[in-house]
Amino acid sequence: MVVNGQRYALLLELAGTHYAGTAIQPAPIPTLHRHLAECLDQLCPGTAASLQCCSRLDAGVAASCFTVHCDLNQNWSPTKLVQALNGLLRWPDHQRHASCLAAAAVAADWDAWRSARSKTYRYRILCSGAPPLHQQHCLWLRRQPRHDILQQAAHLFLGQHDLSGFACLRGDASDLWSPQRHILRSQWEFDEDQRGQWLTYEVCGTGFLYKQVRGMVGAMLSIASRDGESLISFSAAIAAGRQASRVGDVAPAKGLTLSAIDYGQAQPNWQHPA
């Protein structure tokens, strides 16, 4: 809660590389939270402690829509704040791995994490005979999984479930939180270009457990890559919750992107610099 000053929401884009995730980690581990806190301390000394991220992303996970909030002890024009942060969000090698896209002044009780109604993730896969040489944020597969099985498996996630069997325990207090999550949208899209076949999984939910999306993708790829594999065991894993046996492996972080966050009526009035 802001006592003096103003709370701001920041909208960022994150490449996913070079950061060891987004959450607070002991020094000197380079996380997005640490980098942003250092930048905020340069702008407004003593205010970095108020920084709160919308999600705890793993190293290698990208975001096209990542929000944070912070309480600054002086008023800023949102567009000036964006410009000032972007001037500081460079690494010593002058490379940019995160960018501030917009900012907004928000109410003192607005929270980047708790105010969110839903989040949407996208997982990209390239199926081709040769691995991509460019820095594509995707998983490369040589063999193409069955599209019909992928789509059927995705639809089984819809609704409210205990999806612990597709997630990982953090080893902290969050392990005791309710594992029930409501999946609002779960579907695959298929496209093709000169590189090969692109598979994109999109999932929207009210919340996600640790590594849950990657576990869901890994499980779907596992059963869709084995001809004649039944969906019965997959459906049973969804129903079994924390007692479920692991289906497949957790998919690598390099294909996952946080693509949207819905705040409903609490959506910030984002201001983008000209």
C-alpha atoms as a PDB file:
ATOM      1  CA  MET A   1       0.000   0.000   0.000  1.00  0.00           C
ATOM      2  CA  VAL A   2       1.350   3.406  -0.995  1.00  0.00           C
ATOM      3  CA  VAL A   3       1.802   5.878   1.893  1.00  0.00           C
ATOM      4  CA  ASN A   4       3.569   8.663   0.042  1.00  0.00           C
ATOM      5  CA  GLY A   5       3.976   8.855  -3.698  1.00  0.00           C
ATOM      6  CA  GLN A   6       2.243   6.908  -6.477  1.00  0.00           C
ATOM      7  CA  ARG A   7       1.851   3.272  -7.524  1.00  0.00           C
ATOM      8  CA  TYR A   8       2.719   2.518 -11.147  1.00  0.00           C
ATOM      9  CA  ALA A   9       2.073  -0.491 -13.343  1.00  0.00           C
ATOM     10  CA  LEU A  10       4.750  -1.329 -15.903  1.00  0.00           C
ATOM     11  CA  LEU A  11       4.260  -3.432 -19.043  1.00  0.00           C
ATOM     12  CA  LEU A  12       7.411  -5.227 -20.186  1.00  0.00           C
ATOM     13  CA  GLU A  13       8.642  -7.524 -22.915  1.00  0.00           C
ATOM     14  CA  LEU A  14      11.138 -10.211 -21.873  1.00  0.00           C
ATOM     15  CA  ALA A  15      13.389 -12.222 -24.166  1.00  0.00           C
ATOM     16  CA  GLY A  16      13.768 -15.044 -21.642  1.00  0.00           C
ATOM     17  CA  THR A  17      17.518 -15.391 -22.117  1.00  0.00           C
ATOM     18  CA  HIS A  18      20.267 -14.084 -19.819  1.00  0.00           C
ATOM     19  CA  TYR A  19      17.904 -13.868 -16.827  1.00  0.00           C
ATOM     20  CA  ALA A  20      17.715 -16.681 -14.279  1.00  0.00           C
ATOM     21  CA  GLY A  21      13.951 -16.232 -14.165  1.00  0.00           C
ATOM     22  CA  THR A  22      11.900 -13.291 -12.901  1.00  0.00           C
ATOM     23  CA  ALA A  23      11.593 -13.923  -9.154  1.00  0.00           C
ATOM     24  CA  ILE A  24      13.794 -12.652  -6.324  1.00  0.00           C
ATOM     25  CA  GLN A  25      16.957 -14.755  -5.950  1.00  0.00           C
ATOM     26  CA  PRO A  26      19.991 -14.391  -3.655  1.00  0.00           C
ATOM     27  CA  ALA A  27      22.723 -12.090  -4.956  1.00  0.00           C
ATOM     28  CA  PRO A  28      24.347 -12.120  -7.441  1.00  0.00           C
ATOM     29  CA  ILE A  29      21.932 -14.327  -9.459  1.00  0.00           C
ATOM     30  CA  PRO A  30      20.770 -12.180 -12.418  1.00  0.00           C
ATOM     31  CA  THR A  31      16.969 -12.146 -12.403  1.00  0.00           C
ATOM     32  CA  LEU A  32      14.545  -9.686 -13.966  1.00  0.00           C
ATOM     33  CA  HIS A  33      13.399  -8.637 -10.496  1.00  0.00           C
ATOM     34  CA  ARG A  34      16.956  -7.794  -9.447  1.00  0.00           C
ATOM     35  CA  HIS A  35      17.667  -5.877 -12.675  1.00  0.00           C
ATOM     36  CA  LEU A  36      14.448  -3.853 -12.419  1.00  0.00           C
ATOM     37  CA  ALA A  37      15.031  -3.144  -8.723  1.00  0.00           C
ATOM     38  CA  GLU A  38      18.497  -1.773  -9.489  1.00  0.00           C
ATOM     39  CA  CYS A  39      17.054   0.456 -12.217  1.00  0.00           C
ATOM     40  CA  LEU A  40      14.283   1.750  -9.931  1.00  0.00           C
ATOM     41  CA  ASP A  41      16.797   2.528  -7.201  1.00  0.00           C
ATOM     42  CA  GLN A  42      18.673   4.701  -9.663  1.00  0.00           C
ATOM     43  CA  LEU A  43      15.487   6.579 -10.562  1.00  0.00           C
ATOM     44  CA  CYS A  44      13.984   6.808  -7.057  1.00  0.00           C
ATOM     45  CA  PRO A  45      16.339   5.619  -4.304  1.00  0.00           C
ATOM     46  CA  GLY A  46      14.678   3.485  -1.649  1.00  0.00           C
ATOM     47  CA  THR A  47      11.606   2.445  -3.649  1.00  0.00           C
ATOM     48  CA  ALA A  48      12.811  -0.825  -5.180  1.00  0.00           C
ATOM     49  CA  ALA A  49      11.503  -2.882  -2.243  1.00  0.00           C
ATOM     50  CA  SER A  50       7.922  -2.265  -3.436  1.00  0.00           C
ATOM     51  CA  LEU A  51       8.507  -4.061  -6.747  1.00  0.00           C
ATOM     52  CA  GLN A  52       6.075  -6.948  -7.400  1.00  0.00           C
ATOM     53  CA  CYS A  53       6.028  -9.135 -10.524  1.00  0.00           C
ATOM     54  CA  CYS A  54       2.907 -10.670 -12.037  1.00  0.00           C
ATOM     55  CA  SER A  55       4.412 -14.146 -12.272  1.00  0.00           C
ATOM     56  CA  ARG A  56       7.451 -16.263 -11.412  1.00  0.00           C
ATOM     57  CA  LEU A  57       8.799 -17.299 -14.790  1.00  0.00           C
ATOM     58  CA  ASP A  58      11.658 -19.773 -15.153  1.00  0.00           C
ATOM     59  CA  ALA A  59      14.934 -19.055 -16.884  1.00  0.00           C
ATOM     60  CA  GLY A  60      14.415 -19.281 -20.633  1.00  0.00           C
ATOM     61  CA  VAL A  61      10.696 -18.433 -20.584  1.00  0.00           C
ATOM     62  CA  ALA A  62       9.846 -15.344 -22.654  1.00  0.00           C
ATOM     63  CA  ALA A  63       7.050 -12.816 -22.168  1.00  0.00           C
ATOM     64  CA  SER A  64       5.427 -10.442 -24.622  1.00  0.00           C
ATOM     65  CA  CYS A  65       3.193  -9.108 -21.844  1.00  0.00           C
ATOM     66  CA  PHE A  66       4.810  -9.059 -18.387  1.00  0.00           C
ATOM     67  CA  THR A  67       3.486  -6.673 -15.747  1.00  0.00           C
ATOM     68  CA  VAL A  68       4.959  -5.383 -12.507  1.00  0.00           C
ATOM     69  CA  HIS A  69       3.948  -2.716 -10.021  1.00  0.00           C
ATOM     70  CA  CYS A  70       6.081  -0.404  -7.924  1.00  0.00           C
ATOM     71  CA  ASP A  71       5.554   2.477  -5.492  1.00  0.00           C
ATOM     72  CA  LEU A  72       7.617   5.538  -6.346  1.00  0.00           C
ATOM     73  CA  ASN A  73       8.173   8.393  -3.908  1.00  0.00           C
ATOM     74  CA  GLN A  74       7.786  10.999  -6.633  1.00  0.00           C
ATOM     75  CA  ASN A  75       5.261  11.472  -9.417  1.00  0.00           C
ATOM     76  CA  TRP A  76       6.266  10.559 -12.945  1.00  0.00           C
ATOM     77  CA  SER A  77       4.620  10.993 -16.292  1.00  0.00           C
ATOM     78  CA  PRO A  78       4.045   7.354 -17.354  1.00  0.00           C
ATOM     79  CA  THR A  79       5.689   7.929 -20.735  1.00  0.00           C
ATOM     80  CA  LYS A  80       8.717   9.593 -19.121  1.00  0.00           C
ATOM     81  CA  LEU A  81       8.994   6.666 -16.731  1.00  0.00           C
ATOM     82  CA  VAL A  82       9.044   4.226 -19.668  1.00  0.00           C
ATOM     83  CA  GLN A  83      11.779   6.213 -21.407  1.00  0.00           C
ATOM     84  CA  ALA A  84      13.864   6.492 -18.231  1.00  0.00           C
ATOM     85  CA  LEU A  85      13.657   2.748 -17.510  1.00  0.00           C
ATOM     86  CA  ASN A  86      14.558   1.802 -21.070  1.00  0.00           C
ATOM     87  CA  GLY A  87      17.639   3.972 -20.763  1.00  0.00           C
ATOM     88  CA  LEU A  88      18.744   1.813 -17.818  1.00  0.00           C
ATOM     89  CA  LEU A  89      17.575  -1.649 -18.913  1.00  0.00           C
ATOM     90  CA  ARG A  90      20.834  -2.554 -20.596  1.00  0.00           C
ATOM     91  CA  TRP A  91      23.388  -5.114 -19.549  1.00  0.00           C
ATOM     92  CA  PRO A  92      27.094  -4.274 -19.283  1.00  0.00           C
ATOM     93  CA  ASP A  93      27.528  -5.655 -22.825  1.00  0.00           C
ATOM     94  CA  HIS A  94      24.931  -3.050 -23.976  1.00  0.00           C
ATOM     95  CA  GLN A  95      22.563  -5.809 -25.073  1.00  0.00           C
ATOM     96  CA  ARG A  96      18.869  -5.459 -24.243  1.00  0.00           C
ATOM     97  CA  HIS A  97      17.042  -8.508 -22.882  1.00  0.00           C
ATOM     98  CA  ALA A  98      13.996  -6.698 -21.463  1.00  0.00           C
ATOM     99  CA  SER A  99      12.111  -3.633 -22.635  1.00  0.00           C
ATOM    100  CA  CYS A 100       9.470  -1.457 -20.961  1.00  0.00           C
ATOM    101  CA  LEU A 101       6.603  -0.981 -23.431  1.00  0.00           C
ATOM    102  CA  ALA A 102       4.164   1.142 -21.405  1.00  0.00           C
ATOM    103  CA  ALA A 103       3.311   2.400 -17.925  1.00  0.00           C
ATOM    104  CA  ALA A 104       0.248   3.588 -16.039  1.00  0.00           C
ATOM    105  CA  ALA A 105      -0.573   5.239 -12.730  1.00  0.00           C
ATOM    106  CA  VAL A 106      -2.807   2.807 -10.809  1.00  0.00           C
ATOM    107  CA  ALA A 107      -4.723   2.658  -7.545  1.00  0.00           C
ATOM    108  CA  ALA A 108      -2.769   2.052  -4.341  1.00  0.00           C
ATOM    109  CA  ASP A 109      -4.267  -1.444  -3.974  1.00  0.00           C
ATOM    110  CA  TRP A 110      -3.694  -2.537  -7.585  1.00  0.00           C
ATOM    111  CA  ASP A 111      -1.461  -5.602  -7.627  1.00  0.00           C
ATOM    112  CA  ALA A 112       0.324  -7.006 -10.684  1.00  0.00           C
ATOM    113  CA  TRP A 113      -0.167 -10.551  -9.387  1.00  0.00           C
ATOM    114  CA  ARG A 114      -3.357 -10.548  -7.285  1.00  0.00           C
ATOM    115  CA  SER A 115      -5.409  -8.278  -9.569  1.00  0.00           C
ATOM    116  CA  ALA A 116      -4.994 -10.590 -12.582  1.00  0.00           C
ATOM    117  CA  ARG A 117      -8.117 -12.541 -13.610  1.00  0.00           C
ATOM    118  CA  SER A 118      -6.392 -14.846 -16.094  1.00  0.00           C
ATOM    119  CA  LYS A 119      -3.113 -15.453 -17.902  1.00  0.00           C
ATOM    120  CA  THR A 120      -2.446 -16.817 -21.368  1.00  0.00           C
ATOM    121  CA  TYR A 121       0.627 -18.777 -22.411  1.00  0.00           C
ATOM    122  CA  ARG A 122       1.735 -19.901 -25.861  1.00  0.00           C
ATOM    123  CA  TYR A 123       4.161 -22.728 -26.602  1.00  0.00           C
ATOM    124  CA  ARG A 124       5.774 -22.830 -30.071  1.00  0.00           C
ATOM    125  CA  ILE A 125       7.179 -25.930 -31.750  1.00  0.00           C
ATOM    126  CA  LEU A 126       8.898 -26.226 -35.127  1.00  0.00           C
ATOM    127  CA  CYS A 127       8.783 -29.641 -36.808  1.00  0.00           C
ATOM    128  CA  SER A 128      11.351 -29.853 -39.594  1.00  0.00           C
ATOM    129  CA  GLY A 129      14.178 -31.959 -40.960  1.00  0.00           C
ATOM    130  CA  ALA A 130      16.826 -29.444 -39.897  1.00  0.00           C
ATOM    131  CA  PRO A 131      17.178 -27.461 -36.649  1.00  0.00           C
ATOM    132  CA  PRO A 132      16.707 -23.670 -36.833  1.00  0.00           C
ATOM    133  CA  LEU A 133      19.919 -21.645 -36.821  1.00  0.00           C
ATOM    134  CA  HIS A 134      18.368 -18.321 -35.878  1.00  0.00           C
ATOM    135  CA  GLN A 135      17.388 -17.464 -32.325  1.00  0.00           C
ATOM    136  CA  GLN A 136      13.849 -18.730 -32.657  1.00  0.00           C
ATOM    137  CA  HIS A 137      12.004 -19.001 -29.359  1.00  0.00           C
ATOM    138  CA  CYS A 138      10.693 -22.484 -30.063  1.00  0.00           C
ATOM    139  CA  LEU A 139      11.242 -26.173 -29.475  1.00  0.00           C
ATOM    140  CA  TRP A 140      12.586 -28.096 -32.483  1.00  0.00           C
ATOM    141  CA  LEU A 141      11.283 -31.576 -33.236  1.00  0.00           C
ATOM    142  CA  ARG A 142      12.412 -33.742 -36.109  1.00  0.00           C
ATOM    143  CA  ARG A 143       9.337 -35.977 -36.032  1.00  0.00           C
ATOM    144  CA  GLN A 144       5.839 -34.536 -36.182  1.00  0.00           C
ATOM    145  CA  PRO A 145       3.361 -35.667 -33.485  1.00  0.00           C
ATOM    146  CA  ARG A 146      -0.229 -36.533 -34.348  1.00  0.00           C
ATOM    147  CA  HIS A 147      -2.320 -33.365 -34.554  1.00  0.00           C
ATOM    148  CA  ASP A 148      -5.605 -35.092 -33.706  1.00  0.00           C
ATOM    149  CA  ILE A 149      -4.217 -36.545 -30.475  1.00  0.00           C
ATOM    150  CA  LEU A 150      -2.732 -33.187 -29.471  1.00  0.00           C
ATOM    151  CA  GLN A 151      -6.070 -31.443 -29.934  1.00  0.00           C
ATOM    152  CA  GLN A 152      -8.048 -34.101 -28.091  1.00  0.00           C
ATOM    153  CA  ALA A 153      -5.609 -34.036 -25.182  1.00  0.00           C
ATOM    154  CA  ALA A 154      -5.721 -30.230 -25.019  1.00  0.00           C
ATOM    155  CA  HIS A 155      -9.509 -30.227 -24.734  1.00  0.00           C
ATOM    156  CA  LEU A 156      -9.342 -32.610 -21.757  1.00  0.00           C
ATOM    157  CA  PHE A 157      -7.688 -29.847 -19.698  1.00  0.00           C
ATOM    158  CA  LEU A 158     -10.725 -27.542 -19.968  1.00  0.00           C
ATOM    159  CA  GLY A 159     -12.517 -26.816 -16.701  1.00  0.00           C
ATOM    160  CA  GLN A 160     -11.329 -26.920 -13.105  1.00  0.00           C
ATOM    161  CA  HIS A 161      -8.842 -29.619 -12.115  1.00  0.00           C
ATOM    162  CA  ASP A 162      -6.045 -30.436  -9.711  1.00  0.00           C
ATOM    163  CA  LEU A 163      -3.213 -30.434 -12.265  1.00  0.00           C
ATOM    164  CA  SER A 164      -0.435 -31.281  -9.791  1.00  0.00           C
ATOM    165  CA  GLY A 165       0.493 -34.315 -11.877  1.00  0.00           C
ATOM    166  CA  PHE A 166       1.626 -32.011 -14.686  1.00  0.00           C
ATOM    167  CA  ALA A 167       3.463 -29.521 -12.452  1.00  0.00           C
ATOM    168  CA  CYS A 168       6.471 -29.551 -10.115  1.00  0.00           C
ATOM    169  CA  LEU A 169       6.691 -28.776  -6.418  1.00  0.00           C
ATOM    170  CA  ARG A 170       8.696 -25.669  -5.558  1.00  0.00           C
ATOM    171  CA  GLY A 171       9.854 -26.925  -2.179  1.00  0.00           C
ATOM    172  CA  ASP A 172       8.443 -23.863  -0.385  1.00  0.00           C
ATOM    173  CA  ALA A 173       5.178 -22.722   1.228  1.00  0.00           C
ATOM    174  CA  SER A 174       3.455 -22.597  -2.158  1.00  0.00           C
ATOM    175  CA  ASP A 175       3.386 -26.429  -2.152  1.00  0.00           C
ATOM    176  CA  LEU A 176       0.569 -26.195   0.417  1.00  0.00           C
ATOM    177  CA  TRP A 177      -1.599 -23.871  -1.662  1.00  0.00           C
ATOM    178  CA  SER A 178      -4.713 -25.225  -3.357  1.00  0.00           C
ATOM    179  CA  PRO A 179      -3.685 -27.027  -6.573  1.00  0.00           C
ATOM    180  CA  GLN A 180      -7.077 -26.438  -8.227  1.00  0.00           C
ATOM    181  CA  ARG A 181      -6.803 -24.392 -11.428  1.00  0.00           C
ATOM    182  CA  HIS A 182      -9.504 -23.370 -13.899  1.00  0.00           C
ATOM    183  CA  ILE A 183      -8.473 -23.727 -17.552  1.00  0.00           C
ATOM    184  CA  LEU A 184     -10.567 -21.434 -19.756  1.00  0.00           C
ATOM    185  CA  ARG A 185      -9.005 -22.155 -23.149  1.00  0.00           C
ATOM    186  CA  SER A 186      -6.754 -24.988 -24.325  1.00  0.00           C
ATOM    187  CA  GLN A 187      -6.094 -25.577 -28.009  1.00  0.00           C
ATOM    188  CA  TRP A 188      -3.456 -26.223 -30.652  1.00  0.00           C
ATOM    189  CA  GLU A 189      -2.967 -24.258 -33.871  1.00  0.00           C
ATOM    190  CA  PHE A 190      -1.130 -25.656 -36.894  1.00  0.00           C
ATOM    191  CA  ASP A 191       0.621 -23.676 -39.621  1.00  0.00           C
ATOM    192  CA  GLU A 192       3.262 -24.295 -42.257  1.00  0.00           C
ATOM    193  CA  ASP A 193       5.912 -22.192 -43.993  1.00  0.00           C
ATOM    194  CA  GLN A 194       9.224 -22.736 -45.789  1.00  0.00           C
ATOM    195  CA  ARG A 195      10.863 -23.701 -42.475  1.00  0.00           C
ATOM    196  CA  GLY A 196       8.473 -26.560 -41.736  1.00  0.00           C
ATOM    197  CA  GLN A 197       5.365 -27.249 -39.688  1.00  0.00           C
ATOM    198  CA  TRP A 198       4.616 -24.921 -36.768  1.00  0.00           C
ATOM    199  CA  LEU A 199       2.634 -26.160 -33.780  1.00  0.00           C
ATOM    200  CA  THR A 200       1.395 -23.572 -31.290  1.00  0.00           C
ATOM    201  CA  TYR A 201      -0.324 -24.464 -28.045  1.00  0.00           C
ATOM    202  CA  GLU A 202      -2.368 -21.723 -26.371  1.00  0.00           C
ATOM    203  CA  VAL A 203      -3.716 -22.091 -22.858  1.00  0.00           C
ATOM    204  CA  CYS A 204      -5.587 -19.536 -20.766  1.00  0.00           C
ATOM    205  CA  GLY A 205      -6.344 -20.073 -17.087  1.00  0.00           C
ATOM    206  CA  THR A 206      -7.058 -18.305 -13.828  1.00  0.00           C
ATOM    207  CA  GLY A 207      -3.662 -19.437 -12.569  1.00  0.00           C
ATOM    208  CA  PHE A 208      -0.914 -21.997 -13.097  1.00  0.00           C
ATOM    209  CA  LEU A 209       1.207 -24.205 -10.880  1.00  0.00           C
ATOM    210  CA  TYR A 210       4.997 -24.281 -11.097  1.00  0.00           C
ATOM    211  CA  LYS A 211       6.048 -25.615 -14.540  1.00  0.00           C
ATOM    212  CA  GLN A 212       2.451 -26.660 -15.180  1.00  0.00           C
ATOM    213  CA  VAL A 213       2.210 -25.449 -18.790  1.00  0.00           C
ATOM    214  CA  ARG A 214       5.506 -27.073 -19.723  1.00  0.00           C
ATOM    215  CA  GLY A 215       4.373 -30.285 -18.053  1.00  0.00           C
ATOM    216  CA  MET A 216       1.103 -30.190 -19.983  1.00  0.00           C
ATOM    217  CA  VAL A 217       2.938 -29.696 -23.283  1.00  0.00           C
ATOM    218  CA  GLY A 218       5.425 -32.469 -22.539  1.00  0.00           C
ATOM    219  CA  ALA A 219       2.611 -34.871 -21.673  1.00  0.00           C
ATOM    220  CA  MET A 220       0.650 -34.074 -24.827  1.00  0.00           C
ATOM    221  CA  LEU A 221       3.725 -34.508 -27.014  1.00  0.00           C
ATOM    222  CA  SER A 222       4.468 -37.828 -25.336  1.00  0.00           C
ATOM    223  CA  ILE A 223       1.148 -39.454 -26.120  1.00  0.00           C
ATOM    224  CA  ALA A 224       0.865 -37.828 -29.574  1.00  0.00           C
ATOM    225  CA  SER A 225       4.271 -39.172 -30.630  1.00  0.00           C
ATOM    226  CA  ARG A 226       3.388 -42.820 -30.036  1.00  0.00           C
ATOM    227  CA  ASP A 227       1.094 -44.304 -32.663  1.00  0.00           C
ATOM    228  CA  GLY A 228      -2.022 -45.919 -31.269  1.00  0.00           C
ATOM    229  CA  GLU A 229      -1.453 -44.556 -27.745  1.00  0.00           C
ATOM    230  CA  SER A 230      -4.751 -44.286 -25.875  1.00  0.00           C
ATOM    231  CA  LEU A 231      -5.914 -41.079 -24.196  1.00  0.00           C
ATOM    232  CA  ILE A 232      -7.202 -43.104 -21.243  1.00  0.00           C
ATOM    233  CA  SER A 233      -3.984 -42.834 -19.199  1.00  0.00           C
ATOM    234  CA  PHE A 234      -3.791 -39.133 -20.017  1.00  0.00           C
ATOM    235  CA  SER A 235      -7.323 -38.511 -18.765  1.00  0.00           C
ATOM    236  CA  ALA A 236      -6.556 -40.589 -15.664  1.00  0.00           C
ATOM    237  CA  ALA A 237      -3.524 -38.391 -14.884  1.00  0.00           C
ATOM    238  CA  ILE A 238      -5.753 -35.310 -14.960  1.00  0.00           C
ATOM    239  CA  ALA A 239      -8.223 -36.957 -12.571  1.00  0.00           C
ATOM    240  CA  ALA A 240      -5.523 -38.268 -10.192  1.00  0.00           C
ATOM    241  CA  GLY A 241      -4.165 -34.855  -9.178  1.00  0.00           C
ATOM    242  CA  ARG A 242      -1.022 -34.985  -7.043  1.00  0.00           C
ATOM    243  CA  GLN A 243      -1.085 -38.799  -7.029  1.00  0.00           C
ATOM    244  CA  ALA A 244      -0.798 -38.934 -10.834  1.00  0.00           C
ATOM    245  CA  SER A 245       2.127 -40.660 -12.480  1.00  0.00           C
ATOM    246  CA  ARG A 246       4.165 -38.343 -14.705  1.00  0.00           C
ATOM    247  CA  VAL A 247       3.175 -38.521 -18.368  1.00  0.00           C
ATOM    248  CA  GLY A 248       6.170 -37.644 -20.563  1.00  0.00           C
ATOM    249  CA  ASP A 249       8.829 -35.082 -19.686  1.00  0.00           C
ATOM    250  CA  VAL A 250       8.522 -31.415 -18.814  1.00  0.00           C
ATOM    251  CA  ALA A 251       8.953 -29.489 -22.074  1.00  0.00           C
ATOM    252  CA  PRO A 252      11.963 -27.121 -22.318  1.00  0.00           C
ATOM    253  CA  ALA A 253      11.495 -23.479 -21.348  1.00  0.00           C
ATOM    254  CA  LYS A 254      12.685 -22.180 -24.727  1.00  0.00           C
ATOM    255  CA  GLY A 255       9.296 -22.630 -26.408  1.00  0.00           C
ATOM    256  CA  LEU A 256       7.135 -20.943 -23.754  1.00  0.00           C
ATOM    257  CA  THR A 257       5.908 -17.334 -23.800  1.00  0.00           C
ATOM    258  CA  LEU A 258       3.584 -15.481 -21.436  1.00  0.00           C
ATOM    259  CA  SER A 259       1.447 -13.729 -24.048  1.00  0.00           C
ATOM    260  CA  ALA A 260      -1.451 -12.012 -22.243  1.00  0.00           C
ATOM    261  CA  ILE A 261      -2.761 -11.043 -18.813  1.00  0.00           C
ATOM    262  CA  ASP A 262      -6.401 -10.071 -18.276  1.00  0.00           C
ATOM    263  CA  TYR A 263      -7.133  -7.644 -15.453  1.00  0.00           C
ATOM    264  CA  GLY A 264     -10.810  -7.161 -16.307  1.00  0.00           C
ATOM    265  CA  GLN A 265     -12.107  -3.813 -15.033  1.00  0.00           C
ATOM    266  CA  ALA A 266      -8.777  -3.263 -13.266  1.00  0.00           C
ATOM    267  CA  GLN A 267      -6.932  -3.113 -16.594  1.00  0.00           C
ATOM    268  CA  PRO A 268      -4.376  -0.260 -16.375  1.00  0.00           C
ATOM    269  CA  ASN A 269      -4.729   2.714 -18.709  1.00  0.00           C
ATOM    270  CA  TRP A 270      -1.454   1.988 -20.453  1.00  0.00           C
ATOM    271  CA  GLN A 271       0.436   4.936 -21.910  1.00  0.00           C
ATOM    272  CA  HIS A 272       3.017   4.218 -24.596  1.00  0.00           C
ATOM    273  CA  PRO A 273       5.809   6.659 -25.480  1.00  0.00           C
ATOM    274  CA  ALA A 274       5.505   8.268 -28.891  1.00  0.00           C
END
